[in-house]
């Protein structure tokens, strides 16, 4: 799968469909949303797999946009069908 960040319209649509609001999600919530373990996520990132863009919050904290994570899962589920 080749992941591409969602457009603003796609972000709005996926958030509305999930009854969610945009937020920044740190690692624990990323795992809960994607159901992908930290070791697998790390391995995918180091294998060059396209993943949602990480936002650097500080020297040792990062987060992802909730809409990006939901879009990622949507694409995985769509591709699996």
C-alpha atoms as a PDB file:
ATOM      1  CA  UNK A   1       0.000   0.000   0.000  1.00  0.00           C
ATOM      2  CA  UNK A   2       1.205   3.462  -0.831  1.00  0.00           C
ATOM      3  CA  UNK A   3      -0.036   5.841   1.860  1.00  0.00           C
ATOM      4  CA  UNK A   4      -0.621   9.485   0.990  1.00  0.00           C
ATOM      5  CA  UNK A   5      -1.772  12.058   3.561  1.00  0.00           C
ATOM      6  CA  UNK A   6      -5.502  12.824   3.204  1.00  0.00           C
ATOM      7  CA  UNK A   7      -6.760  16.079   1.726  1.00  0.00           C
ATOM      8  CA  UNK A   8      -8.686  18.455   3.968  1.00  0.00           C
ATOM      9  CA  UNK A   9     -11.958  17.150   2.487  1.00  0.00           C
ATOM     10  CA  UNK A  10     -10.907  13.539   3.163  1.00  0.00           C
ATOM     11  CA  UNK A  11      -9.904  14.488   6.733  1.00  0.00           C
ATOM     12  CA  UNK A  12     -13.319  16.040   7.364  1.00  0.00           C
ATOM     13  CA  UNK A  13     -15.111  13.044   5.862  1.00  0.00           C
ATOM     14  CA  UNK A  14     -13.190  10.380   7.819  1.00  0.00           C
ATOM     15  CA  UNK A  15     -13.560  12.299  11.105  1.00  0.00           C
ATOM     16  CA  UNK A  16     -17.311  12.744  10.545  1.00  0.00           C
ATOM     17  CA  UNK A  17     -17.744   9.071   9.626  1.00  0.00           C
ATOM     18  CA  UNK A  18     -15.904   8.072  12.816  1.00  0.00           C
ATOM     19  CA  UNK A  19     -17.730  10.647  14.938  1.00  0.00           C
ATOM     20  CA  UNK A  20     -14.340  12.036  16.030  1.00  0.00           C
ATOM     21  CA  UNK A  21     -12.711  15.450  16.258  1.00  0.00           C
ATOM     22  CA  UNK A  22      -9.231  16.294  15.025  1.00  0.00           C
ATOM     23  CA  UNK A  23      -6.577  15.821  17.690  1.00  0.00           C
ATOM     24  CA  UNK A  24      -2.927  14.948  18.030  1.00  0.00           C
ATOM     25  CA  UNK A  25      -2.415  11.348  19.118  1.00  0.00           C
ATOM     26  CA  UNK A  26       0.681  10.121  20.868  1.00  0.00           C
ATOM     27  CA  UNK A  27       2.005   6.554  20.732  1.00  0.00           C
ATOM     28  CA  UNK A  28      -0.536   4.919  23.069  1.00  0.00           C
ATOM     29  CA  UNK A  29      -3.517   6.316  21.170  1.00  0.00           C
ATOM     30  CA  UNK A  30      -1.820   5.544  17.833  1.00  0.00           C
ATOM     31  CA  UNK A  31      -1.641   1.886  18.886  1.00  0.00           C
ATOM     32  CA  UNK A  32      -5.292   1.904  19.992  1.00  0.00           C
ATOM     33  CA  UNK A  33      -6.513   3.437  16.723  1.00  0.00           C
ATOM     34  CA  UNK A  34      -4.377   1.457  14.283  1.00  0.00           C
ATOM     35  CA  UNK A  35      -4.183  -1.834  16.219  1.00  0.00           C
ATOM     36  CA  UNK A  36      -0.540  -2.011  15.101  1.00  0.00           C
ATOM     37  CA  UNK A  37       2.048  -2.761  17.792  1.00  0.00           C
ATOM     38  CA  UNK A  38       4.957  -0.410  18.416  1.00  0.00           C
ATOM     39  CA  UNK A  39       7.570  -2.944  17.188  1.00  0.00           C
ATOM     40  CA  UNK A  40       5.638  -3.514  13.945  1.00  0.00           C
ATOM     41  CA  UNK A  41       5.151   0.226  13.403  1.00  0.00           C
ATOM     42  CA  UNK A  42       8.882   0.801  14.001  1.00  0.00           C
ATOM     43  CA  UNK A  43       9.808  -2.031  11.625  1.00  0.00           C
ATOM     44  CA  UNK A  44       7.484  -0.695   8.900  1.00  0.00           C
ATOM     45  CA  UNK A  45       8.973   2.791   9.245  1.00  0.00           C
ATOM     46  CA  UNK A  46      12.517   1.430   8.956  1.00  0.00           C
ATOM     47  CA  UNK A  47      11.550  -0.700   5.953  1.00  0.00           C
ATOM     48  CA  UNK A  48      10.401   2.459   4.183  1.00  0.00           C
ATOM     49  CA  UNK A  49       6.679   1.655   4.303  1.00  0.00           C
ATOM     50  CA  UNK A  50       4.496   4.723   3.748  1.00  0.00           C
ATOM     51  CA  UNK A  51       2.998   5.725   7.104  1.00  0.00           C
ATOM     52  CA  UNK A  52       1.119   8.764   8.407  1.00  0.00           C
ATOM     53  CA  UNK A  53       3.366  11.757   8.970  1.00  0.00           C
ATOM     54  CA  UNK A  54       4.714  12.075  12.489  1.00  0.00           C
ATOM     55  CA  UNK A  55       4.672  15.551  14.059  1.00  0.00           C
ATOM     56  CA  UNK A  56       7.613  16.347  16.337  1.00  0.00           C
ATOM     57  CA  UNK A  57       6.319  17.967  19.557  1.00  0.00           C
ATOM     58  CA  UNK A  58       9.647  18.126  21.390  1.00  0.00           C
ATOM     59  CA  UNK A  59      13.009  16.378  21.358  1.00  0.00           C
ATOM     60  CA  UNK A  60      11.483  13.161  22.703  1.00  0.00           C
ATOM     61  CA  UNK A  61       7.759  13.452  21.871  1.00  0.00           C
ATOM     62  CA  UNK A  62       5.923  12.934  18.614  1.00  0.00           C
ATOM     63  CA  UNK A  63       2.288  12.674  17.604  1.00  0.00           C
ATOM     64  CA  UNK A  64       0.079  11.959  14.626  1.00  0.00           C
ATOM     65  CA  UNK A  65      -3.097  13.680  13.454  1.00  0.00           C
ATOM     66  CA  UNK A  66      -6.092  11.518  14.349  1.00  0.00           C
ATOM     67  CA  UNK A  67      -7.486  11.995  10.836  1.00  0.00           C
ATOM     68  CA  UNK A  68      -4.237  10.658   9.330  1.00  0.00           C
ATOM     69  CA  UNK A  69      -4.404   7.529  11.476  1.00  0.00           C
ATOM     70  CA  UNK A  70      -8.076   6.958  10.663  1.00  0.00           C
ATOM     71  CA  UNK A  71      -7.347   7.482   6.953  1.00  0.00           C
ATOM     72  CA  UNK A  72      -4.454   4.991   7.149  1.00  0.00           C
ATOM     73  CA  UNK A  73      -6.758   2.343   8.649  1.00  0.00           C
ATOM     74  CA  UNK A  74      -9.441   3.124   6.071  1.00  0.00           C
ATOM     75  CA  UNK A  75      -6.931   2.560   3.257  1.00  0.00           C
ATOM     76  CA  UNK A  76      -5.691  -0.704   4.807  1.00  0.00           C
ATOM     77  CA  UNK A  77      -9.257  -1.998   5.164  1.00  0.00           C
ATOM     78  CA  UNK A  78     -10.183  -0.910   1.640  1.00  0.00           C
ATOM     79  CA  UNK A  79      -7.126  -2.597   0.188  1.00  0.00           C
ATOM     80  CA  UNK A  80      -7.804  -5.815   2.103  1.00  0.00           C
ATOM     81  CA  UNK A  81     -11.318  -6.087   0.616  1.00  0.00           C
END
